[in-house]
Amino acid sequence: MDDVGAHRKVDIRELYLRALRNSVPSGWKYTVKVWALPGTGIDPIYWHMEGGLKDPDHDVLVFNKTGNNMPKKDFYLIEFDLQDHSGLGLSFEPNPMNAFWVAMGNSNSAPPCPTSPSYCDSVYAVSTDSDGGTLTVRNDDMEVQMFSFSLGFISNKDGLHYRYDPGGNNQDGGYSS
């Protein structure tokens, strides 16, 4: 590459980094499928979660901006997509505040899963869609922090409310531009 081309490449990189620093934070969308399958015994539902954020060895979501190549100022938008095969006609609770409860821990341990309404200003429900099949949650992931959360569902067959309580791990990754 000649000197002019090399200088131009450096100029473009500097322009890109400046634009990135000056841009507003943006959401990075990730889909997490939540499977509701027929349960056995005392549990009427067997729950399973899958997606790019799920730890393959545990039932937790891992948020690591560095690993996902995200700028520090950006945030996650997680779409929980319900795959209901339970026979109960489940949908997310229509009120997002009932569909998502979260309890924040510290960098070493997560608190117990919330069994009553619990909220946080850095990880919170944004919306549920009109058919109850998708819940959107925002996670700013600005601190190293483990957390527990609970997803709320309602059955159109028996009218009962059900909860699924996986966990999460904010790893405070990301790069500062």
C-alpha atoms as a PDB file:
ATOM      1  CA  MET A   1       0.000   0.000   0.000  1.00  0.00           C
ATOM      2  CA  ASP A   2       1.360   3.431  -0.836  1.00  0.00           C
ATOM      3  CA  ASP A   3       1.734   6.243   1.724  1.00  0.00           C
ATOM      4  CA  VAL A   4      -1.414   8.052   0.523  1.00  0.00           C
ATOM      5  CA  GLY A   5      -3.506   4.884   0.929  1.00  0.00           C
ATOM      6  CA  ALA A   6      -2.069   4.174   4.380  1.00  0.00           C
ATOM      7  CA  HIS A   7      -2.766   7.741   5.538  1.00  0.00           C
ATOM      8  CA  ARG A   8      -6.298   7.592   4.145  1.00  0.00           C
ATOM      9  CA  LYS A   9      -6.939   4.341   6.046  1.00  0.00           C
ATOM     10  CA  VAL A  10      -5.737   5.965   9.295  1.00  0.00           C
ATOM     11  CA  ASP A  11      -7.928   9.047   8.620  1.00  0.00           C
ATOM     12  CA  ILE A  12     -11.012   6.893   8.053  1.00  0.00           C
ATOM     13  CA  ARG A  13     -10.337   4.921  11.250  1.00  0.00           C
ATOM     14  CA  GLU A  14      -9.997   8.160  13.235  1.00  0.00           C
ATOM     15  CA  LEU A  15     -13.230   9.515  11.734  1.00  0.00           C
ATOM     16  CA  TYR A  16     -14.996   6.264  12.592  1.00  0.00           C
ATOM     17  CA  LEU A  17     -13.779   6.313  16.213  1.00  0.00           C
ATOM     18  CA  ARG A  18     -14.792   9.958  16.627  1.00  0.00           C
ATOM     19  CA  ALA A  19     -18.255   9.253  15.214  1.00  0.00           C
ATOM     20  CA  LEU A  20     -18.596   6.235  17.503  1.00  0.00           C
ATOM     21  CA  ARG A  21     -17.662   8.317  20.579  1.00  0.00           C
ATOM     22  CA  ASN A  22     -20.193  10.995  19.649  1.00  0.00           C
ATOM     23  CA  SER A  23     -23.055   8.672  18.749  1.00  0.00           C
ATOM     24  CA  VAL A  24     -25.969   8.059  21.070  1.00  0.00           C
ATOM     25  CA  PRO A  25     -26.140   4.707  22.868  1.00  0.00           C
ATOM     26  CA  SER A  26     -27.958   2.055  20.899  1.00  0.00           C
ATOM     27  CA  GLY A  27     -29.568  -1.279  21.635  1.00  0.00           C
ATOM     28  CA  TRP A  28     -28.179  -4.583  20.398  1.00  0.00           C
ATOM     29  CA  LYS A  29     -30.997  -7.069  19.936  1.00  0.00           C
ATOM     30  CA  TYR A  30     -30.645 -10.674  21.040  1.00  0.00           C
ATOM     31  CA  THR A  31     -33.375 -13.305  20.934  1.00  0.00           C
ATOM     32  CA  VAL A  32     -33.723 -15.859  23.704  1.00  0.00           C
ATOM     33  CA  LYS A  33     -36.195 -18.678  23.107  1.00  0.00           C
ATOM     34  CA  VAL A  34     -38.095 -19.769  26.206  1.00  0.00           C
ATOM     35  CA  TRP A  35     -39.483 -23.278  25.783  1.00  0.00           C
ATOM     36  CA  ALA A  36     -42.474 -24.392  27.866  1.00  0.00           C
ATOM     37  CA  LEU A  37     -42.897 -28.174  27.631  1.00  0.00           C
ATOM     38  CA  PRO A  38     -45.220 -30.551  29.480  1.00  0.00           C
ATOM     39  CA  GLY A  39     -43.855 -31.174  32.957  1.00  0.00           C
ATOM     40  CA  THR A  40     -44.081 -34.173  35.211  1.00  0.00           C
ATOM     41  CA  GLY A  41     -45.066 -34.631  38.821  1.00  0.00           C
ATOM     42  CA  ILE A  42     -45.341 -31.474  40.870  1.00  0.00           C
ATOM     43  CA  ASP A  43     -44.122 -29.174  38.081  1.00  0.00           C
ATOM     44  CA  PRO A  44     -46.717 -28.786  35.321  1.00  0.00           C
ATOM     45  CA  ILE A  45     -44.138 -27.144  33.021  1.00  0.00           C
ATOM     46  CA  TYR A  46     -40.587 -28.079  32.069  1.00  0.00           C
ATOM     47  CA  TRP A  47     -38.761 -24.861  31.140  1.00  0.00           C
ATOM     48  CA  HIS A  48     -35.792 -24.554  28.816  1.00  0.00           C
ATOM     49  CA  MET A  49     -33.999 -21.485  27.489  1.00  0.00           C
ATOM     50  CA  GLU A  50     -31.750 -21.158  24.437  1.00  0.00           C
ATOM     51  CA  GLY A  51     -29.992 -18.374  22.583  1.00  0.00           C
ATOM     52  CA  GLY A  52     -26.617 -16.765  21.985  1.00  0.00           C
ATOM     53  CA  LEU A  53     -26.511 -15.209  25.472  1.00  0.00           C
ATOM     54  CA  LYS A  54     -27.199 -18.448  27.359  1.00  0.00           C
ATOM     55  CA  ASP A  55     -24.348 -20.084  29.225  1.00  0.00           C
ATOM     56  CA  PRO A  56     -24.189 -23.566  27.636  1.00  0.00           C
ATOM     57  CA  ASP A  57     -23.544 -25.223  31.013  1.00  0.00           C
ATOM     58  CA  HIS A  58     -26.018 -23.350  33.224  1.00  0.00           C
ATOM     59  CA  ASP A  59     -29.504 -21.863  33.058  1.00  0.00           C
ATOM     60  CA  VAL A  60     -28.218 -18.265  33.078  1.00  0.00           C
ATOM     61  CA  LEU A  61     -27.801 -15.528  30.511  1.00  0.00           C
ATOM     62  CA  VAL A  62     -24.335 -13.978  30.268  1.00  0.00           C
ATOM     63  CA  PHE A  63     -23.986 -10.336  29.240  1.00  0.00           C
ATOM     64  CA  ASN A  64     -20.446  -9.456  28.213  1.00  0.00           C
ATOM     65  CA  LYS A  65     -20.071  -6.443  25.957  1.00  0.00           C
ATOM     66  CA  THR A  66     -16.424  -7.214  25.245  1.00  0.00           C
ATOM     67  CA  GLY A  67     -17.280 -10.747  24.145  1.00  0.00           C
ATOM     68  CA  ASN A  68     -20.133  -9.389  22.010  1.00  0.00           C
ATOM     69  CA  ASN A  69     -17.925  -6.606  20.591  1.00  0.00           C
ATOM     70  CA  MET A  70     -20.202  -3.861  21.916  1.00  0.00           C
ATOM     71  CA  PRO A  71     -19.246  -0.307  22.883  1.00  0.00           C
ATOM     72  CA  LYS A  72     -19.487   0.265  26.637  1.00  0.00           C
ATOM     73  CA  LYS A  73     -22.276   2.845  26.299  1.00  0.00           C
ATOM     74  CA  ASP A  74     -24.584   0.550  24.313  1.00  0.00           C
ATOM     75  CA  PHE A  75     -27.164  -1.748  25.872  1.00  0.00           C
ATOM     76  CA  TYR A  76     -28.777  -5.120  25.304  1.00  0.00           C
ATOM     77  CA  LEU A  77     -32.364  -5.496  24.104  1.00  0.00           C
ATOM     78  CA  ILE A  78     -33.369  -9.068  24.843  1.00  0.00           C
ATOM     79  CA  GLU A  79     -36.439 -10.466  23.141  1.00  0.00           C
ATOM     80  CA  PHE A  80     -37.726 -13.438  25.089  1.00  0.00           C
ATOM     81  CA  ASP A  81     -39.627 -15.474  22.501  1.00  0.00           C
ATOM     82  CA  LEU A  82     -42.076 -17.949  24.063  1.00  0.00           C
ATOM     83  CA  GLN A  83     -42.261 -21.411  22.484  1.00  0.00           C
ATOM     84  CA  ASP A  84     -45.321 -22.847  24.248  1.00  0.00           C
ATOM     85  CA  HIS A  85     -45.744 -26.610  23.898  1.00  0.00           C
ATOM     86  CA  SER A  86     -47.102 -27.097  27.415  1.00  0.00           C
ATOM     87  CA  GLY A  87     -50.738 -27.532  26.406  1.00  0.00           C
ATOM     88  CA  LEU A  88     -51.633 -24.680  28.790  1.00  0.00           C
ATOM     89  CA  GLY A  89     -51.963 -21.913  26.186  1.00  0.00           C
ATOM     90  CA  LEU A  90     -49.336 -19.739  27.843  1.00  0.00           C
ATOM     91  CA  SER A  91     -48.508 -16.142  27.026  1.00  0.00           C
ATOM     92  CA  PHE A  92     -46.391 -13.550  28.793  1.00  0.00           C
ATOM     93  CA  GLU A  93     -48.232 -11.511  31.390  1.00  0.00           C
ATOM     94  CA  PRO A  94     -49.653  -8.544  29.434  1.00  0.00           C
ATOM     95  CA  ASN A  95     -48.236  -5.978  31.887  1.00  0.00           C
ATOM     96  CA  PRO A  96     -44.423  -5.980  31.426  1.00  0.00           C
ATOM     97  CA  MET A  97     -44.018  -5.203  35.147  1.00  0.00           C
ATOM     98  CA  ASN A  98     -45.645  -8.570  35.909  1.00  0.00           C
ATOM     99  CA  ALA A  99     -43.857 -10.368  33.076  1.00  0.00           C
ATOM    100  CA  PHE A 100     -40.352  -9.551  34.366  1.00  0.00           C
ATOM    101  CA  TRP A 101     -39.127  -9.378  37.962  1.00  0.00           C
ATOM    102  CA  VAL A 102     -35.433  -8.956  38.732  1.00  0.00           C
ATOM    103  CA  ALA A 103     -33.271  -9.008  41.863  1.00  0.00           C
ATOM    104  CA  MET A 104     -29.708  -7.698  41.682  1.00  0.00           C
ATOM    105  CA  GLY A 105     -26.830  -9.281  43.554  1.00  0.00           C
ATOM    106  CA  ASN A 106     -23.153  -8.412  43.677  1.00  0.00           C
ATOM    107  CA  SER A 107     -20.131  -9.435  41.606  1.00  0.00           C
ATOM    108  CA  ASN A 108     -19.837 -12.812  43.344  1.00  0.00           C
ATOM    109  CA  SER A 109     -23.333 -14.066  43.983  1.00  0.00           C
ATOM    110  CA  ALA A 110     -26.870 -13.761  42.756  1.00  0.00           C
ATOM    111  CA  PRO A 111     -29.773 -13.259  45.158  1.00  0.00           C
ATOM    112  CA  PRO A 112     -32.633 -15.766  45.317  1.00  0.00           C
ATOM    113  CA  CYS A 113     -35.049 -15.566  42.403  1.00  0.00           C
ATOM    114  CA  PRO A 114     -37.767 -13.009  43.045  1.00  0.00           C
ATOM    115  CA  THR A 115     -41.074 -14.505  44.167  1.00  0.00           C
ATOM    116  CA  SER A 116     -42.834 -11.147  44.276  1.00  0.00           C
ATOM    117  CA  PRO A 117     -42.534  -7.970  42.198  1.00  0.00           C
ATOM    118  CA  SER A 118     -38.945  -6.718  42.188  1.00  0.00           C
ATOM    119  CA  TYR A 119     -37.420  -4.152  39.842  1.00  0.00           C
ATOM    120  CA  CYS A 120     -34.176  -2.432  38.885  1.00  0.00           C
ATOM    121  CA  ASP A 121     -33.392   0.675  36.828  1.00  0.00           C
ATOM    122  CA  SER A 122     -30.582  -0.983  34.838  1.00  0.00           C
ATOM    123  CA  VAL A 123     -32.331  -4.258  33.876  1.00  0.00           C
ATOM    124  CA  TYR A 124     -36.042  -3.870  33.168  1.00  0.00           C
ATOM    125  CA  ALA A 125     -38.983  -4.891  30.997  1.00  0.00           C
ATOM    126  CA  VAL A 126     -39.742  -2.613  28.069  1.00  0.00           C
ATOM    127  CA  SER A 127     -42.808  -4.236  26.510  1.00  0.00           C
ATOM    128  CA  THR A 128     -44.790  -7.346  25.700  1.00  0.00           C
ATOM    129  CA  ASP A 129     -46.223  -7.780  22.227  1.00  0.00           C
ATOM    130  CA  SER A 130     -49.978  -7.818  21.645  1.00  0.00           C
ATOM    131  CA  ASP A 131     -50.263 -11.624  21.357  1.00  0.00           C
ATOM    132  CA  GLY A 132     -48.151 -12.268  24.470  1.00  0.00           C
ATOM    133  CA  GLY A 133     -45.500 -14.262  22.628  1.00  0.00           C
ATOM    134  CA  THR A 134     -42.577 -11.867  23.090  1.00  0.00           C
ATOM    135  CA  LEU A 135     -41.249  -9.911  26.061  1.00  0.00           C
ATOM    136  CA  THR A 136     -38.576  -7.260  25.477  1.00  0.00           C
ATOM    137  CA  VAL A 137     -36.119  -6.452  28.284  1.00  0.00           C
ATOM    138  CA  ARG A 138     -33.349  -3.849  28.398  1.00  0.00           C
ATOM    139  CA  ASN A 139     -30.056  -4.532  30.181  1.00  0.00           C
ATOM    140  CA  ASP A 140     -27.515  -1.704  30.424  1.00  0.00           C
ATOM    141  CA  ASP A 141     -24.756  -4.054  31.767  1.00  0.00           C
ATOM    142  CA  MET A 142     -22.644  -1.256  33.245  1.00  0.00           C
ATOM    143  CA  GLU A 143     -21.436  -3.114  36.363  1.00  0.00           C
ATOM    144  CA  VAL A 144     -20.093  -6.561  37.160  1.00  0.00           C
ATOM    145  CA  GLN A 145     -23.145  -7.997  38.853  1.00  0.00           C
ATOM    146  CA  MET A 146     -24.995 -11.268  39.095  1.00  0.00           C
ATOM    147  CA  PHE A 147     -28.758 -11.196  39.167  1.00  0.00           C
ATOM    148  CA  SER A 148     -31.805 -13.410  39.277  1.00  0.00           C
ATOM    149  CA  PHE A 149     -34.957 -12.864  37.309  1.00  0.00           C
ATOM    150  CA  SER A 150     -38.359 -14.369  36.897  1.00  0.00           C
ATOM    151  CA  LEU A 151     -40.529 -14.445  33.783  1.00  0.00           C
ATOM    152  CA  GLY A 152     -44.293 -14.339  34.280  1.00  0.00           C
ATOM    153  CA  PHE A 153     -46.885 -16.166  32.202  1.00  0.00           C
ATOM    154  CA  ILE A 154     -50.620 -16.643  32.232  1.00  0.00           C
ATOM    155  CA  SER A 155     -52.551 -19.641  30.922  1.00  0.00           C
ATOM    156  CA  ASN A 156     -55.566 -19.134  28.678  1.00  0.00           C
ATOM    157  CA  LYS A 157     -56.684 -22.700  29.575  1.00  0.00           C
ATOM    158  CA  ASP A 158     -56.879 -22.559  33.382  1.00  0.00           C
ATOM    159  CA  GLY A 159     -56.274 -18.833  34.074  1.00  0.00           C
ATOM    160  CA  LEU A 160     -53.389 -19.662  36.409  1.00  0.00           C
ATOM    161  CA  HIS A 161     -50.164 -17.666  36.582  1.00  0.00           C
ATOM    162  CA  TYR A 162     -46.805 -19.400  36.126  1.00  0.00           C
ATOM    163  CA  ARG A 163     -43.225 -18.231  36.616  1.00  0.00           C
ATOM    164  CA  TYR A 164     -39.867 -19.339  35.230  1.00  0.00           C
ATOM    165  CA  ASP A 165     -36.762 -18.229  37.104  1.00  0.00           C
ATOM    166  CA  PRO A 166     -33.437 -18.503  35.273  1.00  0.00           C
ATOM    167  CA  GLY A 167     -30.529 -16.190  36.186  1.00  0.00           C
ATOM    168  CA  GLY A 168     -28.161 -13.649  34.697  1.00  0.00           C
ATOM    169  CA  ASN A 169     -24.574 -12.477  34.890  1.00  0.00           C
ATOM    170  CA  ASN A 170     -23.514  -8.946  33.905  1.00  0.00           C
ATOM    171  CA  GLN A 171     -19.795  -9.034  33.175  1.00  0.00           C
ATOM    172  CA  ASP A 172     -19.411  -5.283  32.586  1.00  0.00           C
ATOM    173  CA  GLY A 173     -17.579  -5.753  29.350  1.00  0.00           C
ATOM    174  CA  GLY A 174     -17.401  -3.490  26.356  1.00  0.00           C
ATOM    175  CA  TYR A 175     -14.927  -1.085  24.973  1.00  0.00           C
ATOM    176  CA  SER A 176     -14.913   2.638  25.496  1.00  0.00           C
ATOM    177  CA  SER A 177     -14.560   4.630  22.339  1.00  0.00           C
END
